[in-house]
Amino acid sequence: MKTITTTEVQQLIEQGEKLNLIDVREADEVATGIIPGAQHISLGLIEFKMQDLDKKTPYIMVCRSGGRSGQATAFLEQQGFDVTNMNGGMMMWAGETK
């Protein structure tokens, strides 16, 4: 499984990179703050929403601490998607949220 740190993600955003972030936390967690531009698909809906994703597009999976996003990353990887898990999740995120 590919991984990336929160610091690396923040640096890429600050450099103007267009990242495809998917936040797999529950709605009440996302309401406390989400990385600007991230798409919210809770972990329980990933299986049903994956038809809306493009297998050629790289995605970075985000959750609270890295566990659920790791599950989502492993699942989507098995389905042929290009996915990376953001280690540490929002608990380690020091960047902007909305």
C-alpha atoms as a PDB file:
ATOM      1  CA  MET A   1       0.000   0.000   0.000  1.00  0.00           C
ATOM      2  CA  LYS A   2       1.300   3.421  -0.966  1.00  0.00           C
ATOM      3  CA  THR A   3       1.374   6.010   1.804  1.00  0.00           C
ATOM      4  CA  ILE A   4       1.974   9.742   2.077  1.00  0.00           C
ATOM      5  CA  THR A   5       2.424  11.948   5.136  1.00  0.00           C
ATOM      6  CA  THR A   6       0.189  14.877   6.038  1.00  0.00           C
ATOM      7  CA  THR A   7       3.201  17.165   5.621  1.00  0.00           C
ATOM      8  CA  GLU A   8       3.808  15.893   2.078  1.00  0.00           C
ATOM      9  CA  VAL A   9       0.137  16.433   1.172  1.00  0.00           C
ATOM     10  CA  GLN A  10       0.220  19.953   2.613  1.00  0.00           C
ATOM     11  CA  GLN A  11       3.397  20.774   0.656  1.00  0.00           C
ATOM     12  CA  LEU A  12       1.846  19.526  -2.597  1.00  0.00           C
ATOM     13  CA  ILE A  13      -1.248  21.670  -2.006  1.00  0.00           C
ATOM     14  CA  GLU A  14       0.908  24.714  -1.225  1.00  0.00           C
ATOM     15  CA  GLN A  15       2.836  24.099  -4.470  1.00  0.00           C
ATOM     16  CA  GLY A  16      -0.453  24.302  -6.366  1.00  0.00           C
ATOM     17  CA  GLU A  17      -0.798  20.586  -7.111  1.00  0.00           C
ATOM     18  CA  LYS A  18      -4.341  19.465  -7.962  1.00  0.00           C
ATOM     19  CA  LEU A  19      -4.871  16.538  -5.601  1.00  0.00           C
ATOM     20  CA  ASN A  20      -7.826  14.182  -5.570  1.00  0.00           C
ATOM     21  CA  LEU A  21      -8.504  13.741  -1.869  1.00  0.00           C
ATOM     22  CA  ILE A  22     -11.281  11.486  -0.596  1.00  0.00           C
ATOM     23  CA  ASP A  23     -12.267  11.848   3.050  1.00  0.00           C
ATOM     24  CA  VAL A  24     -13.817   8.587   4.290  1.00  0.00           C
ATOM     25  CA  ARG A  25     -14.867   9.837   7.742  1.00  0.00           C
ATOM     26  CA  GLU A  26     -18.498   9.990   8.837  1.00  0.00           C
ATOM     27  CA  ALA A  27     -20.536  13.145   8.153  1.00  0.00           C
ATOM     28  CA  ASP A  28     -20.368  14.377  11.764  1.00  0.00           C
ATOM     29  CA  GLU A  29     -16.562  14.127  11.686  1.00  0.00           C
ATOM     30  CA  VAL A  30     -16.327  15.962   8.355  1.00  0.00           C
ATOM     31  CA  ALA A  31     -18.516  18.729   9.812  1.00  0.00           C
ATOM     32  CA  THR A  32     -15.659  19.572  12.213  1.00  0.00           C
ATOM     33  CA  GLY A  33     -13.361  20.334   9.249  1.00  0.00           C
ATOM     34  CA  ILE A  34     -12.307  18.911   5.907  1.00  0.00           C
ATOM     35  CA  ILE A  35      -9.288  19.664   3.711  1.00  0.00           C
ATOM     36  CA  PRO A  36     -10.466  22.211   1.101  1.00  0.00           C
ATOM     37  CA  GLY A  37     -11.226  20.474  -2.188  1.00  0.00           C
ATOM     38  CA  ALA A  38     -11.556  17.012  -0.637  1.00  0.00           C
ATOM     39  CA  GLN A  39     -14.481  14.861  -1.664  1.00  0.00           C
ATOM     40  CA  HIS A  40     -16.462  13.213   1.155  1.00  0.00           C
ATOM     41  CA  ILE A  41     -17.376   9.539   0.693  1.00  0.00           C
ATOM     42  CA  SER A  42     -17.782   7.746   4.015  1.00  0.00           C
ATOM     43  CA  LEU A  43     -16.026   4.373   4.269  1.00  0.00           C
ATOM     44  CA  GLY A  44     -19.325   2.484   4.274  1.00  0.00           C
ATOM     45  CA  LEU A  45     -20.267   4.009   0.901  1.00  0.00           C
ATOM     46  CA  ILE A  46     -16.948   3.491  -0.934  1.00  0.00           C
ATOM     47  CA  GLU A  47     -18.087   0.191  -2.448  1.00  0.00           C
ATOM     48  CA  PHE A  48     -21.222   1.841  -3.858  1.00  0.00           C
ATOM     49  CA  LYS A  49     -19.592   5.099  -4.995  1.00  0.00           C
ATOM     50  CA  MET A  50     -16.495   3.643  -6.666  1.00  0.00           C
ATOM     51  CA  GLN A  51     -18.261   3.639 -10.057  1.00  0.00           C
ATOM     52  CA  ASP A  52     -18.083   7.456  -9.832  1.00  0.00           C
ATOM     53  CA  LEU A  53     -14.270   7.313  -9.566  1.00  0.00           C
ATOM     54  CA  ASP A  54     -11.769   7.039 -12.430  1.00  0.00           C
ATOM     55  CA  LYS A  55      -9.222   4.215 -12.286  1.00  0.00           C
ATOM     56  CA  LYS A  56      -6.725   6.414 -14.172  1.00  0.00           C
ATOM     57  CA  THR A  57      -6.913   9.184 -11.552  1.00  0.00           C
ATOM     58  CA  PRO A  58      -4.645   9.005  -8.471  1.00  0.00           C
ATOM     59  CA  TYR A  59      -6.531   9.420  -5.197  1.00  0.00           C
ATOM     60  CA  ILE A  60      -5.348  10.155  -1.658  1.00  0.00           C
ATOM     61  CA  MET A  61      -7.535   8.657   1.047  1.00  0.00           C
ATOM     62  CA  VAL A  62      -8.054  10.585   4.306  1.00  0.00           C
ATOM     63  CA  CYS A  63      -9.707   9.751   7.638  1.00  0.00           C
ATOM     64  CA  ARG A  64      -9.277  10.680  11.311  1.00  0.00           C
ATOM     65  CA  SER A  65      -6.069   8.748  12.031  1.00  0.00           C
ATOM     66  CA  GLY A  66      -5.260   6.630   8.968  1.00  0.00           C
ATOM     67  CA  GLY A  67      -7.037   3.366   9.829  1.00  0.00           C
ATOM     68  CA  ARG A  68     -10.272   3.711   7.853  1.00  0.00           C
ATOM     69  CA  SER A  69      -8.491   5.385   4.957  1.00  0.00           C
ATOM     70  CA  GLY A  70      -6.111   2.408   4.990  1.00  0.00           C
ATOM     71  CA  GLN A  71      -9.087   0.063   4.657  1.00  0.00           C
ATOM     72  CA  ALA A  72     -10.479   2.159   1.801  1.00  0.00           C
ATOM     73  CA  THR A  73      -7.055   2.260   0.135  1.00  0.00           C
ATOM     74  CA  ALA A  74      -6.660  -1.532   0.334  1.00  0.00           C
ATOM     75  CA  PHE A  75     -10.180  -2.100  -1.009  1.00  0.00           C
ATOM     76  CA  LEU A  76      -9.857   0.338  -3.927  1.00  0.00           C
ATOM     77  CA  GLU A  77      -6.368  -0.965  -4.725  1.00  0.00           C
ATOM     78  CA  GLN A  78      -7.857  -4.456  -5.100  1.00  0.00           C
ATOM     79  CA  GLN A  79     -10.406  -2.990  -7.534  1.00  0.00           C
ATOM     80  CA  GLY A  80      -7.606  -1.549  -9.707  1.00  0.00           C
ATOM     81  CA  PHE A  81      -7.570   2.077  -8.507  1.00  0.00           C
ATOM     82  CA  ASP A  82      -4.441   4.216  -8.021  1.00  0.00           C
ATOM     83  CA  VAL A  83      -4.782   5.072  -4.320  1.00  0.00           C
ATOM     84  CA  THR A  84      -2.510   6.305  -1.532  1.00  0.00           C
ATOM     85  CA  ASN A  85      -3.246   6.389   2.196  1.00  0.00           C
ATOM     86  CA  MET A  86      -2.545   9.624   4.103  1.00  0.00           C
ATOM     87  CA  ASN A  87      -0.806   8.441   7.279  1.00  0.00           C
ATOM     88  CA  GLY A  88      -1.876  10.120  10.506  1.00  0.00           C
ATOM     89  CA  GLY A  89      -5.125  11.407   9.054  1.00  0.00           C
ATOM     90  CA  MET A  90      -6.790  14.589  10.214  1.00  0.00           C
ATOM     91  CA  MET A  91      -5.317  14.152  13.708  1.00  0.00           C
ATOM     92  CA  MET A  92      -1.907  15.019  12.213  1.00  0.00           C
ATOM     93  CA  TRP A  93      -3.183  17.582   9.677  1.00  0.00           C
ATOM     94  CA  ALA A  94      -1.806  21.059  10.358  1.00  0.00           C
ATOM     95  CA  GLY A  95      -3.051  22.666   7.158  1.00  0.00           C
ATOM     96  CA  GLU A  96      -6.190  24.595   6.321  1.00  0.00           C
ATOM     97  CA  THR A  97      -9.652  23.105   6.808  1.00  0.00           C
ATOM     98  CA  LYS A  98     -13.079  24.339   5.858  1.00  0.00           C
END
